Amino acid sequence: MAKIAPGYRGELHFAGLMAEAALFMGGAALFLKDVRPWEWLLVPAGLLFANAVEWFIHRGPLHHPTPPRMLYNRHTLLHHAAFTADDMSVHDWRELRVVLFPLFALPLLQVVVSPAVVLVFWLGGRNAAALFVFTATFYYLLYELLHLAYHLPLDHPVARLAVIKRLKRHHQRHHNQRRMTAGNFNVSIPFCDWVMGTILKDEIPS
């Protein structure tokens, strides 16, 4: 915590995340016109694809020091050191620095997936490309909000919601430092953990 820049403000970080997501989702929505029924199917398909990407990235570079090491350093060496299975809660707004992605991450993601957006536009047209951008941004926001919810203090109203408690338990097992490379790689919805057989049980293996 002492290494966090003195001028960092967690509440501004959160506000920036919401503003960025609103900008990209709102911009994508402006390109939609006369959406055909089959085009709406791109939304659930995009969510499933994003869930798989989340699983593979979390299982891979977030927990293995493959170049570039930035993802591993930030996630394994920083986030998992700051929050263990025994103490998942943030105690100060400044700790959002090690829960949320940096604000450049979402614009960078848009740049990274831009070839896919072009391909979707070429194959399916403007609506398809706009829905792709909207869905990708929505999933990113969902990831961030759920992840933050799991790390809220236990007495926070959001943390007391039944669905958050259930999902948090899944994530909390992943924060056991002995098992963090073994499973529960979905932070949002554990669909791919279920498909890939990486659901961790409560008991700690010997």
N, C-alpha and C. Protein backbone atom coordinates (compact mmCIF):
# COMPACT_ATOMS: atom_id res chain seq x y z
N MET A 1 0.82 -1.20 0.00
CA MET A 1 0.00 0.00 0.00
C MET A 1 0.87 1.26 0.00
N ALA A 2 2.03 1.17 0.65
CA ALA A 2 2.91 2.33 0.73
C ALA A 2 3.46 2.73 -0.64
N LYS A 3 3.45 1.80 -1.59
CA LYS A 3 3.98 2.09 -2.91
C LYS A 3 2.97 2.78 -3.83
N ILE A 4 1.72 2.88 -3.38
CA ILE A 4 0.70 3.56 -4.19
C ILE A 4 0.99 5.06 -4.20
N ALA A 5 0.90 5.67 -5.37
CA ALA A 5 1.21 7.10 -5.50
C ALA A 5 0.36 7.92 -4.54
N PRO A 6 0.96 8.91 -3.86
CA PRO A 6 0.22 9.72 -2.88
C PRO A 6 -1.04 10.37 -3.45
N GLY A 7 -1.01 10.73 -4.72
CA GLY A 7 -2.16 11.41 -5.31
C GLY A 7 -3.25 10.49 -5.82
N TYR A 8 -3.06 9.19 -5.65
CA TYR A 8 -4.07 8.25 -6.16
C TYR A 8 -5.37 8.37 -5.36
N ARG A 9 -6.50 8.38 -6.08
CA ARG A 9 -7.82 8.43 -5.44
C ARG A 9 -8.66 7.29 -5.99
N GLY A 10 -8.99 6.34 -5.13
CA GLY A 10 -9.75 5.18 -5.56
C GLY A 10 -11.12 5.54 -6.11
N GLU A 11 -11.77 6.54 -5.50
CA GLU A 11 -13.10 6.92 -5.97
C GLU A 11 -13.04 7.52 -7.37
N LEU A 12 -11.94 8.22 -7.70
CA LEU A 12 -11.78 8.75 -9.04
C LEU A 12 -11.47 7.63 -10.04
N HIS A 13 -10.74 6.64 -9.59
CA HIS A 13 -10.45 5.47 -10.42
C HIS A 13 -11.76 4.78 -10.80
N PHE A 14 -12.63 4.58 -9.81
CA PHE A 14 -13.92 3.95 -10.06
C PHE A 14 -14.77 4.80 -11.00
N ALA A 15 -14.80 6.09 -10.76
CA ALA A 15 -15.59 6.99 -11.62
C ALA A 15 -15.05 6.97 -13.05
N GLY A 16 -13.72 6.91 -13.19
CA GLY A 16 -13.12 6.84 -14.51
C GLY A 16 -13.50 5.57 -15.25
N LEU A 17 -13.52 4.45 -14.51
CA LEU A 17 -13.94 3.18 -15.10
C LEU A 17 -15.36 3.28 -15.64
N MET A 18 -16.27 3.82 -14.85
CA MET A 18 -17.66 3.93 -15.27
C MET A 18 -17.80 4.86 -16.48
N ALA A 19 -17.03 5.95 -16.48
CA ALA A 19 -17.10 6.90 -17.58
C ALA A 19 -16.58 6.27 -18.87
N GLU A 20 -15.47 5.55 -18.79
CA GLU A 20 -14.92 4.88 -19.97
C GLU A 20 -15.90 3.87 -20.54
N ALA A 21 -16.46 3.05 -19.66
CA ALA A 21 -17.40 2.02 -20.11
C ALA A 21 -18.62 2.66 -20.76
N ALA A 22 -19.14 3.74 -20.16
CA ALA A 22 -20.30 4.43 -20.72
C ALA A 22 -19.96 5.01 -22.09
N LEU A 23 -18.74 5.52 -22.24
CA LEU A 23 -18.33 6.11 -23.51
C LEU A 23 -18.30 5.05 -24.63
N PHE A 24 -17.67 3.93 -24.35
CA PHE A 24 -17.55 2.89 -25.39
C PHE A 24 -18.89 2.21 -25.67
N MET A 25 -19.66 1.92 -24.61
CA MET A 25 -20.95 1.28 -24.82
C MET A 25 -21.93 2.24 -25.50
N GLY A 26 -21.93 3.48 -25.05
CA GLY A 26 -22.82 4.46 -25.67
C GLY A 26 -22.45 4.73 -27.12
N GLY A 27 -21.13 4.81 -27.37
CA GLY A 27 -20.69 5.03 -28.76
C GLY A 27 -21.09 3.88 -29.66
N ALA A 28 -20.94 2.65 -29.16
CA ALA A 28 -21.33 1.47 -29.95
C ALA A 28 -22.83 1.47 -30.21
N ALA A 29 -23.62 1.84 -29.19
CA ALA A 29 -25.08 1.84 -29.35
C ALA A 29 -25.53 2.84 -30.40
N LEU A 30 -24.79 3.93 -30.57
CA LEU A 30 -25.16 4.93 -31.57
C LEU A 30 -25.07 4.40 -32.99
N PHE A 31 -24.27 3.35 -33.19
CA PHE A 31 -24.10 2.79 -34.53
C PHE A 31 -25.18 1.75 -34.87
N LEU A 32 -25.99 1.38 -33.87
CA LEU A 32 -27.02 0.38 -34.11
C LEU A 32 -28.22 0.99 -34.84
N LYS A 33 -28.71 0.26 -35.85
CA LYS A 33 -29.88 0.73 -36.58
C LYS A 33 -30.60 -0.47 -37.17
N ASP A 34 -31.88 -0.58 -36.83
CA ASP A 34 -32.72 -1.67 -37.36
C ASP A 34 -32.06 -3.03 -37.17
N VAL A 35 -31.76 -3.35 -35.92
CA VAL A 35 -31.08 -4.61 -35.62
C VAL A 35 -31.99 -5.78 -35.95
N ARG A 36 -31.47 -6.71 -36.71
CA ARG A 36 -32.24 -7.90 -37.08
C ARG A 36 -32.16 -8.95 -35.97
N PRO A 37 -33.16 -9.84 -35.87
CA PRO A 37 -33.18 -10.82 -34.78
C PRO A 37 -31.90 -11.64 -34.67
N TRP A 38 -31.35 -12.08 -35.80
CA TRP A 38 -30.15 -12.92 -35.73
C TRP A 38 -28.96 -12.15 -35.18
N GLU A 39 -28.96 -10.84 -35.38
CA GLU A 39 -27.83 -10.04 -34.90
C GLU A 39 -27.79 -9.98 -33.38
N TRP A 40 -28.96 -10.03 -32.74
CA TRP A 40 -28.99 -10.03 -31.27
C TRP A 40 -28.33 -11.27 -30.69
N LEU A 41 -28.25 -12.34 -31.49
CA LEU A 41 -27.60 -13.57 -31.01
C LEU A 41 -26.11 -13.37 -30.79
N LEU A 42 -25.55 -12.29 -31.38
CA LEU A 42 -24.14 -12.00 -31.17
C LEU A 42 -23.85 -11.61 -29.72
N VAL A 43 -24.86 -11.13 -29.01
CA VAL A 43 -24.64 -10.73 -27.62
C VAL A 43 -24.34 -11.93 -26.73
N PRO A 44 -25.22 -12.97 -26.65
CA PRO A 44 -24.86 -14.14 -25.83
C PRO A 44 -23.62 -14.86 -26.35
N ALA A 45 -23.44 -14.89 -27.68
CA ALA A 45 -22.24 -15.52 -28.23
C ALA A 45 -20.99 -14.75 -27.79
N GLY A 46 -21.07 -13.44 -27.80
CA GLY A 46 -19.95 -12.61 -27.38
C GLY A 46 -19.65 -12.77 -25.89
N LEU A 47 -20.69 -12.92 -25.08
CA LEU A 47 -20.48 -13.11 -23.65
C LEU A 47 -19.80 -14.44 -23.37
N LEU A 48 -20.19 -15.49 -24.09
CA LEU A 48 -19.54 -16.79 -23.91
C LEU A 48 -18.08 -16.73 -24.35
N PHE A 49 -17.82 -16.05 -25.45
CA PHE A 49 -16.45 -15.90 -25.93
C PHE A 49 -15.61 -15.13 -24.92
N ALA A 50 -16.16 -14.05 -24.37
CA ALA A 50 -15.43 -13.25 -23.38
C ALA A 50 -15.15 -14.05 -22.12
N ASN A 51 -16.09 -14.91 -21.73
CA ASN A 51 -15.89 -15.76 -20.56
C ASN A 51 -14.72 -16.72 -20.78
N ALA A 52 -14.61 -17.24 -21.99
CA ALA A 52 -13.50 -18.14 -22.32
C ALA A 52 -12.18 -17.39 -22.35
N VAL A 53 -12.17 -16.18 -22.89
CA VAL A 53 -10.95 -15.37 -22.91
C VAL A 53 -10.51 -15.06 -21.50
N GLU A 54 -11.46 -14.70 -20.64
CA GLU A 54 -11.15 -14.44 -19.23
C GLU A 54 -10.48 -15.64 -18.59
N TRP A 55 -11.03 -16.83 -18.82
CA TRP A 55 -10.49 -18.06 -18.24
C TRP A 55 -9.08 -18.31 -18.71
N PHE A 56 -8.83 -18.21 -20.02
CA PHE A 56 -7.51 -18.51 -20.58
C PHE A 56 -6.46 -17.50 -20.13
N ILE A 57 -6.81 -16.21 -20.10
CA ILE A 57 -5.83 -15.20 -19.67
C ILE A 57 -5.52 -15.35 -18.19
N HIS A 58 -6.54 -15.62 -17.38
CA HIS A 58 -6.33 -15.76 -15.95
C HIS A 58 -5.49 -17.01 -15.65
N ARG A 59 -5.79 -18.08 -16.33
CA ARG A 59 -5.04 -19.31 -16.13
C ARG A 59 -3.60 -19.19 -16.65
N GLY A 60 -3.42 -18.38 -17.69
CA GLY A 60 -2.12 -18.25 -18.33
C GLY A 60 -1.28 -17.11 -17.80
N PRO A 61 -1.21 -15.98 -18.52
CA PRO A 61 -0.26 -14.91 -18.16
C PRO A 61 -0.50 -14.25 -16.81
N LEU A 62 -1.72 -14.31 -16.27
CA LEU A 62 -1.92 -13.71 -14.95
C LEU A 62 -1.24 -14.51 -13.84
N HIS A 63 -1.01 -15.80 -14.08
CA HIS A 63 -0.40 -16.63 -13.04
C HIS A 63 0.89 -17.31 -13.48
N HIS A 64 1.39 -16.96 -14.65
CA HIS A 64 2.67 -17.51 -15.12
C HIS A 64 3.52 -16.38 -15.66
N PRO A 65 4.77 -16.29 -15.25
CA PRO A 65 5.63 -15.15 -15.61
C PRO A 65 6.15 -15.21 -17.04
N THR A 66 5.22 -15.31 -17.98
CA THR A 66 5.61 -15.30 -19.39
C THR A 66 5.69 -13.85 -19.86
N PRO A 67 6.68 -13.53 -20.70
CA PRO A 67 6.82 -12.15 -21.20
C PRO A 67 5.59 -11.71 -21.97
N PRO A 68 5.16 -10.45 -21.83
CA PRO A 68 5.66 -9.51 -20.84
C PRO A 68 5.11 -9.84 -19.44
N ARG A 69 5.90 -9.59 -18.42
CA ARG A 69 5.53 -9.99 -17.06
C ARG A 69 4.58 -9.03 -16.38
N MET A 70 4.15 -7.97 -17.06
CA MET A 70 3.33 -6.96 -16.40
C MET A 70 2.06 -7.55 -15.79
N LEU A 71 1.38 -8.43 -16.55
CA LEU A 71 0.15 -9.03 -16.05
C LEU A 71 0.43 -9.91 -14.83
N TYR A 72 1.47 -10.71 -14.90
CA TYR A 72 1.83 -11.58 -13.78
C TYR A 72 2.22 -10.76 -12.55
N ASN A 73 3.05 -9.74 -12.76
CA ASN A 73 3.51 -8.92 -11.63
C ASN A 73 2.34 -8.24 -10.93
N ARG A 74 1.42 -7.70 -11.74
CA ARG A 74 0.30 -6.96 -11.14
C ARG A 74 -0.69 -7.89 -10.46
N HIS A 75 -0.93 -9.05 -11.07
CA HIS A 75 -1.96 -9.94 -10.54
C HIS A 75 -1.43 -10.86 -9.44
N THR A 76 -0.45 -11.68 -9.77
CA THR A 76 0.04 -12.66 -8.80
C THR A 76 0.85 -12.02 -7.68
N LEU A 77 1.81 -11.17 -8.05
CA LEU A 77 2.73 -10.62 -7.05
C LEU A 77 2.14 -9.47 -6.26
N LEU A 78 1.14 -8.80 -6.83
CA LEU A 78 0.56 -7.65 -6.13
C LEU A 78 -0.83 -7.96 -5.57
N HIS A 79 -1.77 -8.31 -6.47
CA HIS A 79 -3.15 -8.52 -6.03
C HIS A 79 -3.26 -9.69 -5.07
N HIS A 80 -2.64 -10.82 -5.39
CA HIS A 80 -2.74 -11.99 -4.52
C HIS A 80 -1.94 -11.83 -3.23
N ALA A 81 -0.96 -10.95 -3.24
CA ALA A 81 -0.23 -10.67 -2.00
C ALA A 81 -1.04 -9.76 -1.08
N ALA A 82 -1.79 -8.84 -1.69
CA ALA A 82 -2.58 -7.90 -0.90
C ALA A 82 -3.84 -8.53 -0.32
N PHE A 83 -4.41 -9.49 -1.04
CA PHE A 83 -5.68 -10.09 -0.61
C PHE A 83 -5.54 -11.61 -0.61
N THR A 84 -5.63 -12.19 0.57
CA THR A 84 -5.58 -13.64 0.72
C THR A 84 -6.98 -14.17 1.00
N ALA A 85 -7.13 -15.46 0.99
CA ALA A 85 -8.44 -16.06 1.27
C ALA A 85 -8.94 -15.71 2.66
N ASP A 86 -8.03 -15.41 3.56
CA ASP A 86 -8.41 -15.07 4.94
C ASP A 86 -8.81 -13.61 5.10
N ASP A 87 -8.39 -12.76 4.19
CA ASP A 87 -8.72 -11.34 4.28
C ASP A 87 -8.88 -10.79 2.86
N MET A 88 -10.11 -10.80 2.37
CA MET A 88 -10.40 -10.39 1.00
C MET A 88 -10.82 -8.92 0.89
N SER A 89 -11.06 -8.27 2.01
CA SER A 89 -11.73 -6.97 1.99
C SER A 89 -10.77 -5.80 1.84
N VAL A 90 -11.20 -4.82 1.03
CA VAL A 90 -10.49 -3.55 1.01
C VAL A 90 -10.86 -2.79 2.27
N HIS A 91 -9.93 -2.03 2.78
CA HIS A 91 -10.16 -1.27 4.00
C HIS A 91 -10.07 0.24 3.77
N ASP A 92 -9.74 0.60 2.54
CA ASP A 92 -9.58 2.02 2.20
C ASP A 92 -9.76 2.17 0.70
N TRP A 93 -10.27 3.31 0.27
CA TRP A 93 -10.47 3.55 -1.16
C TRP A 93 -9.18 3.38 -1.95
N ARG A 94 -8.04 3.69 -1.31
CA ARG A 94 -6.76 3.60 -2.02
C ARG A 94 -6.44 2.17 -2.45
N GLU A 95 -7.01 1.20 -1.78
CA GLU A 95 -6.73 -0.20 -2.12
C GLU A 95 -7.39 -0.61 -3.43
N LEU A 96 -8.26 0.22 -3.98
CA LEU A 96 -8.81 -0.08 -5.30
C LEU A 96 -7.71 -0.11 -6.36
N ARG A 97 -6.59 0.48 -6.04
CA ARG A 97 -5.44 0.46 -6.97
C ARG A 97 -5.01 -0.96 -7.30
N VAL A 98 -5.20 -1.89 -6.35
CA VAL A 98 -4.77 -3.28 -6.57
C VAL A 98 -5.97 -4.21 -6.77
N VAL A 99 -7.15 -3.64 -7.01
CA VAL A 99 -8.34 -4.44 -7.33
C VAL A 99 -8.77 -4.18 -8.77
N LEU A 100 -8.89 -2.91 -9.14
CA LEU A 100 -9.32 -2.55 -10.49
C LEU A 100 -8.15 -2.53 -11.46
N PHE A 101 -8.44 -2.79 -12.72
CA PHE A 101 -7.43 -2.61 -13.76
C PHE A 101 -7.11 -1.13 -13.90
N PRO A 102 -5.90 -0.78 -14.35
CA PRO A 102 -5.61 0.64 -14.61
C PRO A 102 -6.52 1.19 -15.70
N LEU A 103 -6.74 2.50 -15.68
CA LEU A 103 -7.70 3.09 -16.61
C LEU A 103 -7.28 2.97 -18.08
N PHE A 104 -6.00 2.75 -18.34
CA PHE A 104 -5.61 2.59 -19.74
C PHE A 104 -5.97 1.21 -20.28
N ALA A 105 -6.39 0.28 -19.41
CA ALA A 105 -6.62 -1.10 -19.83
C ALA A 105 -7.80 -1.22 -20.80
N LEU A 106 -8.89 -0.50 -20.54
CA LEU A 106 -10.06 -0.62 -21.42
C LEU A 106 -9.79 -0.03 -22.81
N PRO A 107 -9.23 1.19 -22.91
CA PRO A 107 -8.87 1.67 -24.26
C PRO A 107 -7.87 0.75 -24.96
N LEU A 108 -6.92 0.20 -24.20
CA LEU A 108 -5.96 -0.72 -24.79
C LEU A 108 -6.65 -1.97 -25.31
N LEU A 109 -7.64 -2.46 -24.55
CA LEU A 109 -8.40 -3.63 -24.99
C LEU A 109 -9.10 -3.34 -26.32
N GLN A 110 -9.66 -2.15 -26.44
CA GLN A 110 -10.35 -1.81 -27.69
C GLN A 110 -9.38 -1.82 -28.87
N VAL A 111 -8.15 -1.37 -28.63
CA VAL A 111 -7.15 -1.39 -29.69
C VAL A 111 -6.79 -2.82 -30.05
N VAL A 112 -6.61 -3.67 -29.02
CA VAL A 112 -6.21 -5.06 -29.23
C VAL A 112 -7.26 -5.81 -30.04
N VAL A 113 -8.54 -5.56 -29.73
CA VAL A 113 -9.61 -6.31 -30.42
C VAL A 113 -10.07 -5.63 -31.70
N SER A 114 -9.47 -4.50 -32.05
CA SER A 114 -9.92 -3.78 -33.25
C SER A 114 -9.84 -4.62 -34.52
N PRO A 115 -8.82 -5.49 -34.70
CA PRO A 115 -8.86 -6.35 -35.90
C PRO A 115 -10.08 -7.26 -35.92
N ALA A 116 -10.48 -7.76 -34.74
CA ALA A 116 -11.67 -8.60 -34.67
C ALA A 116 -12.92 -7.78 -35.00
N VAL A 117 -12.95 -6.53 -34.57
CA VAL A 117 -14.09 -5.66 -34.89
C VAL A 117 -14.19 -5.47 -36.40
N VAL A 118 -13.04 -5.24 -37.03
CA VAL A 118 -13.03 -5.07 -38.50
C VAL A 118 -13.52 -6.35 -39.18
N LEU A 119 -13.07 -7.49 -38.69
CA LEU A 119 -13.49 -8.76 -39.27
C LEU A 119 -15.00 -8.97 -39.12
N VAL A 120 -15.51 -8.67 -37.92
CA VAL A 120 -16.95 -8.82 -37.68
C VAL A 120 -17.74 -7.86 -38.57
N PHE A 121 -17.22 -6.66 -38.74
CA PHE A 121 -17.87 -5.69 -39.63
C PHE A 121 -17.90 -6.21 -41.06
N TRP A 122 -16.80 -6.79 -41.51
CA TRP A 122 -16.71 -7.31 -42.87
C TRP A 122 -17.67 -8.49 -43.07
N LEU A 123 -17.79 -9.33 -42.04
CA LEU A 123 -18.64 -10.52 -42.16
C LEU A 123 -20.12 -10.22 -41.91
N GLY A 124 -20.38 -9.34 -40.92
CA GLY A 124 -21.77 -9.17 -40.50
C GLY A 124 -22.34 -7.77 -40.62
N GLY A 125 -21.51 -6.78 -40.91
CA GLY A 125 -22.01 -5.43 -41.08
C GLY A 125 -21.85 -4.57 -39.84
N ARG A 126 -22.41 -3.36 -39.95
CA ARG A 126 -22.22 -2.35 -38.91
C ARG A 126 -22.83 -2.76 -37.58
N ASN A 127 -24.06 -3.28 -37.60
CA ASN A 127 -24.71 -3.68 -36.35
C ASN A 127 -23.93 -4.75 -35.63
N ALA A 128 -23.42 -5.72 -36.38
CA ALA A 128 -22.66 -6.80 -35.76
C ALA A 128 -21.40 -6.26 -35.09
N ALA A 129 -20.69 -5.37 -35.76
CA ALA A 129 -19.48 -4.79 -35.18
C ALA A 129 -19.80 -3.97 -33.94
N ALA A 130 -20.89 -3.19 -34.00
CA ALA A 130 -21.27 -2.37 -32.85
C ALA A 130 -21.67 -3.24 -31.66
N LEU A 131 -22.39 -4.32 -31.92
CA LEU A 131 -22.78 -5.24 -30.84
C LEU A 131 -21.56 -5.94 -30.26
N PHE A 132 -20.57 -6.22 -31.09
CA PHE A 132 -19.33 -6.83 -30.61
C PHE A 132 -18.64 -5.90 -29.62
N VAL A 133 -18.49 -4.62 -30.00
CA VAL A 133 -17.85 -3.65 -29.12
C VAL A 133 -18.66 -3.45 -27.83
N PHE A 134 -19.97 -3.33 -27.98
CA PHE A 134 -20.83 -3.14 -26.82
C PHE A 134 -20.72 -4.32 -25.85
N THR A 135 -20.77 -5.55 -26.38
CA THR A 135 -20.73 -6.74 -25.54
C THR A 135 -19.38 -6.90 -24.86
N ALA A 136 -18.29 -6.66 -25.60
CA ALA A 136 -16.96 -6.77 -25.02
C ALA A 136 -16.77 -5.78 -23.87
N THR A 137 -17.25 -4.56 -24.08
CA THR A 137 -17.13 -3.53 -23.03
C THR A 137 -18.01 -3.88 -21.83
N PHE A 138 -19.23 -4.35 -22.11
CA PHE A 138 -20.12 -4.74 -21.02
C PHE A 138 -19.49 -5.84 -20.17
N TYR A 139 -18.88 -6.83 -20.82
CA TYR A 139 -18.28 -7.93 -20.06
C TYR A 139 -17.11 -7.43 -19.23
N TYR A 140 -16.32 -6.55 -19.80
CA TYR A 140 -15.20 -5.95 -19.05
C TYR A 140 -15.72 -5.24 -17.80
N LEU A 141 -16.78 -4.45 -17.97
CA LEU A 141 -17.37 -3.74 -16.84
C LEU A 141 -17.93 -4.72 -15.81
N LEU A 142 -18.61 -5.77 -16.28
CA LEU A 142 -19.15 -6.78 -15.38
C LEU A 142 -18.04 -7.41 -14.55
N TYR A 143 -16.94 -7.75 -15.21
CA TYR A 143 -15.79 -8.33 -14.52
C TYR A 143 -15.31 -7.40 -13.41
N GLU A 144 -15.12 -6.14 -13.75
CA GLU A 144 -14.59 -5.19 -12.78
C GLU A 144 -15.53 -4.98 -11.60
N LEU A 145 -16.82 -4.84 -11.88
CA LEU A 145 -17.78 -4.59 -10.80
C LEU A 145 -17.94 -5.81 -9.89
N LEU A 146 -18.00 -7.01 -10.48
CA LEU A 146 -18.11 -8.21 -9.66
C LEU A 146 -16.85 -8.42 -8.84
N HIS A 147 -15.69 -8.24 -9.47
CA HIS A 147 -14.44 -8.42 -8.75
C HIS A 147 -14.35 -7.46 -7.57
N LEU A 148 -14.72 -6.21 -7.79
CA LEU A 148 -14.74 -5.24 -6.71
C LEU A 148 -15.72 -5.66 -5.62
N ALA A 149 -16.88 -6.17 -6.01
CA ALA A 149 -17.89 -6.60 -5.03
C ALA A 149 -17.35 -7.69 -4.12
N TYR A 150 -16.53 -8.60 -4.65
CA TYR A 150 -15.98 -9.68 -3.84
C TYR A 150 -14.99 -9.16 -2.80
N HIS A 151 -14.43 -7.99 -3.08
CA HIS A 151 -13.40 -7.45 -2.18
C HIS A 151 -13.93 -6.30 -1.30
N LEU A 152 -15.24 -6.10 -1.31
CA LEU A 152 -15.83 -5.09 -0.43
C LEU A 152 -15.84 -5.60 1.01
N PRO A 153 -15.89 -4.69 1.99
CA PRO A 153 -16.02 -5.12 3.39
C PRO A 153 -17.27 -5.97 3.58
N LEU A 154 -17.22 -6.89 4.53
CA LEU A 154 -18.31 -7.85 4.73
C LEU A 154 -19.63 -7.18 5.06
N ASP A 155 -19.59 -6.01 5.69
CA ASP A 155 -20.83 -5.34 6.08
C ASP A 155 -21.37 -4.40 5.01
N HIS A 156 -20.74 -4.36 3.86
CA HIS A 156 -21.23 -3.50 2.78
C HIS A 156 -22.53 -4.10 2.22
N PRO A 157 -23.54 -3.26 1.90
CA PRO A 157 -24.81 -3.79 1.39
C PRO A 157 -24.67 -4.67 0.16
N VAL A 158 -23.76 -4.34 -0.73
CA VAL A 158 -23.56 -5.16 -1.93
C VAL A 158 -22.95 -6.50 -1.54
N ALA A 159 -22.00 -6.49 -0.63
CA ALA A 159 -21.34 -7.73 -0.21
C ALA A 159 -22.30 -8.69 0.48
N ARG A 160 -23.42 -8.17 1.01
CA ARG A 160 -24.38 -9.02 1.72
C ARG A 160 -25.40 -9.67 0.78
N LEU A 161 -25.40 -9.28 -0.50
CA LEU A 161 -26.33 -9.88 -1.46
C LEU A 161 -26.01 -11.36 -1.64
N ALA A 162 -27.05 -12.19 -1.72
CA ALA A 162 -26.85 -13.64 -1.78
C ALA A 162 -26.03 -14.05 -3.00
N VAL A 163 -26.31 -13.45 -4.17
CA VAL A 163 -25.59 -13.83 -5.37
C VAL A 163 -24.11 -13.45 -5.28
N ILE A 164 -23.84 -12.31 -4.64
CA ILE A 164 -22.44 -11.88 -4.48
C ILE A 164 -21.72 -12.80 -3.50
N LYS A 165 -22.40 -13.20 -2.44
CA LYS A 165 -21.78 -14.13 -1.49
C LYS A 165 -21.40 -15.44 -2.17
N ARG A 166 -22.27 -15.92 -3.03
CA ARG A 166 -22.02 -17.20 -3.71
C ARG A 166 -20.84 -17.08 -4.68
N LEU A 167 -20.85 -16.02 -5.48
CA LEU A 167 -19.76 -15.82 -6.42
C LEU A 167 -18.45 -15.49 -5.71
N LYS A 168 -18.55 -14.75 -4.62
CA LYS A 168 -17.34 -14.42 -3.85
C LYS A 168 -16.68 -15.68 -3.31
N ARG A 169 -17.48 -16.63 -2.88
CA ARG A 169 -16.91 -17.87 -2.34
C ARG A 169 -16.09 -18.58 -3.41
N HIS A 170 -16.57 -18.56 -4.63
CA HIS A 170 -15.83 -19.14 -5.75
C HIS A 170 -14.48 -18.43 -5.91
N HIS A 171 -14.50 -17.11 -5.88
CA HIS A 171 -13.28 -16.33 -6.05
C HIS A 171 -12.35 -16.46 -4.83
N GLN A 172 -12.95 -16.57 -3.66
CA GLN A 172 -12.16 -16.67 -2.44
C GLN A 172 -11.31 -17.95 -2.43
N ARG A 173 -11.87 -19.04 -2.95
CA ARG A 173 -11.08 -20.28 -3.04
C ARG A 173 -9.86 -20.07 -3.93
N HIS A 174 -10.01 -19.25 -4.96
CA HIS A 174 -8.88 -18.96 -5.85
C HIS A 174 -7.81 -18.16 -5.13
N HIS A 175 -8.20 -17.38 -4.13
CA HIS A 175 -7.23 -16.55 -3.40
C HIS A 175 -6.47 -17.34 -2.33
N ASN A 176 -6.77 -18.62 -2.19
CA ASN A 176 -5.91 -19.47 -1.37
C ASN A 176 -4.58 -19.62 -2.13
N GLN A 177 -3.50 -19.13 -1.57
CA GLN A 177 -2.25 -19.05 -2.31
C GLN A 177 -1.69 -20.42 -2.68
N ARG A 178 -2.13 -21.46 -2.01
CA ARG A 178 -1.68 -22.81 -2.35
C ARG A 178 -2.39 -23.34 -3.58
N ARG A 179 -3.53 -22.72 -3.94
CA ARG A 179 -4.35 -23.28 -5.02
C ARG A 179 -4.65 -22.30 -6.14
N MET A 180 -4.04 -21.12 -6.10
CA MET A 180 -4.43 -20.09 -7.06
C MET A 180 -4.11 -20.44 -8.51
N THR A 181 -3.19 -21.37 -8.74
CA THR A 181 -2.89 -21.78 -10.11
C THR A 181 -3.64 -23.05 -10.50
N ALA A 182 -4.51 -23.54 -9.59
CA ALA A 182 -5.19 -24.82 -9.84
C ALA A 182 -6.59 -24.67 -10.40
N GLY A 183 -7.25 -23.55 -10.14
CA GLY A 183 -8.62 -23.43 -10.63
C GLY A 183 -9.31 -22.15 -10.23
N ASN A 184 -10.63 -22.10 -10.52
CA ASN A 184 -11.47 -20.93 -10.28
C ASN A 184 -10.91 -19.69 -10.98
N PHE A 185 -10.65 -19.86 -12.29
CA PHE A 185 -10.05 -18.78 -13.06
C PHE A 185 -11.08 -17.79 -13.57
N ASN A 186 -12.35 -18.16 -13.59
CA ASN A 186 -13.39 -17.19 -13.92
C ASN A 186 -13.68 -16.32 -12.71
N VAL A 187 -13.50 -15.02 -12.87
CA VAL A 187 -13.80 -14.08 -11.79
C VAL A 187 -15.26 -13.65 -11.86
N SER A 188 -15.81 -13.59 -13.06
CA SER A 188 -17.19 -13.14 -13.22
C SER A 188 -18.15 -14.31 -13.01
N ILE A 189 -18.50 -14.99 -14.07
CA ILE A 189 -19.40 -16.14 -14.01
C ILE A 189 -18.59 -17.41 -14.28
N PRO A 190 -18.60 -18.39 -13.38
CA PRO A 190 -17.70 -19.55 -13.52
C PRO A 190 -18.15 -20.58 -14.55
N PHE A 191 -18.54 -20.11 -15.73
CA PHE A 191 -19.02 -21.04 -16.76
C PHE A 191 -17.87 -21.89 -17.32
N CYS A 192 -16.79 -21.25 -17.74
CA CYS A 192 -15.67 -22.01 -18.31
C CYS A 192 -14.96 -22.84 -17.24
N ASP A 193 -14.96 -22.41 -16.00
CA ASP A 193 -14.42 -23.25 -14.93
C ASP A 193 -15.21 -24.55 -14.86
N TRP A 194 -16.52 -24.45 -15.05
CA TRP A 194 -17.37 -25.65 -15.03
C TRP A 194 -17.09 -26.51 -16.26
N VAL A 195 -17.01 -25.88 -17.43
CA VAL A 195 -16.76 -26.62 -18.68
C VAL A 195 -15.40 -27.30 -18.65
N MET A 196 -14.38 -26.59 -18.16
CA MET A 196 -13.00 -27.09 -18.19
C MET A 196 -12.65 -27.93 -16.97
N GLY A 197 -13.58 -28.08 -16.04
CA GLY A 197 -13.32 -28.91 -14.86
C GLY A 197 -12.34 -28.30 -13.88
N THR A 198 -12.35 -26.98 -13.75
CA THR A 198 -11.41 -26.30 -12.84
C THR A 198 -12.12 -25.65 -11.65
N ILE A 199 -13.26 -26.21 -11.28
CA ILE A 199 -13.95 -25.72 -10.08
C ILE A 199 -13.25 -26.28 -8.85
N LEU A 200 -12.82 -25.40 -7.96
CA LEU A 200 -12.17 -25.83 -6.72
C LEU A 200 -13.21 -26.07 -5.64
N LYS A 201 -13.01 -27.12 -4.89
CA LYS A 201 -13.88 -27.43 -3.74
C LYS A 201 -13.36 -26.71 -2.50
N ASP A 202 -14.17 -26.74 -1.45
CA ASP A 202 -13.78 -26.07 -0.22
C ASP A 202 -12.55 -26.69 0.44
N GLU A 203 -12.47 -28.00 0.41
CA GLU A 203 -11.36 -28.63 1.10
C GLU A 203 -10.04 -28.37 0.40
N ILE A 204 -8.97 -28.26 1.17
CA ILE A 204 -7.63 -28.02 0.64
C ILE A 204 -6.96 -29.38 0.45
N PRO A 205 -6.52 -29.69 -0.77
CA PRO A 205 -5.86 -31.00 -0.98
C PRO A 205 -4.54 -31.09 -0.26
N SER A 206 -4.15 -32.29 0.08
CA SER A 206 -2.87 -32.49 0.79
C SER A 206 -1.72 -32.35 -0.19
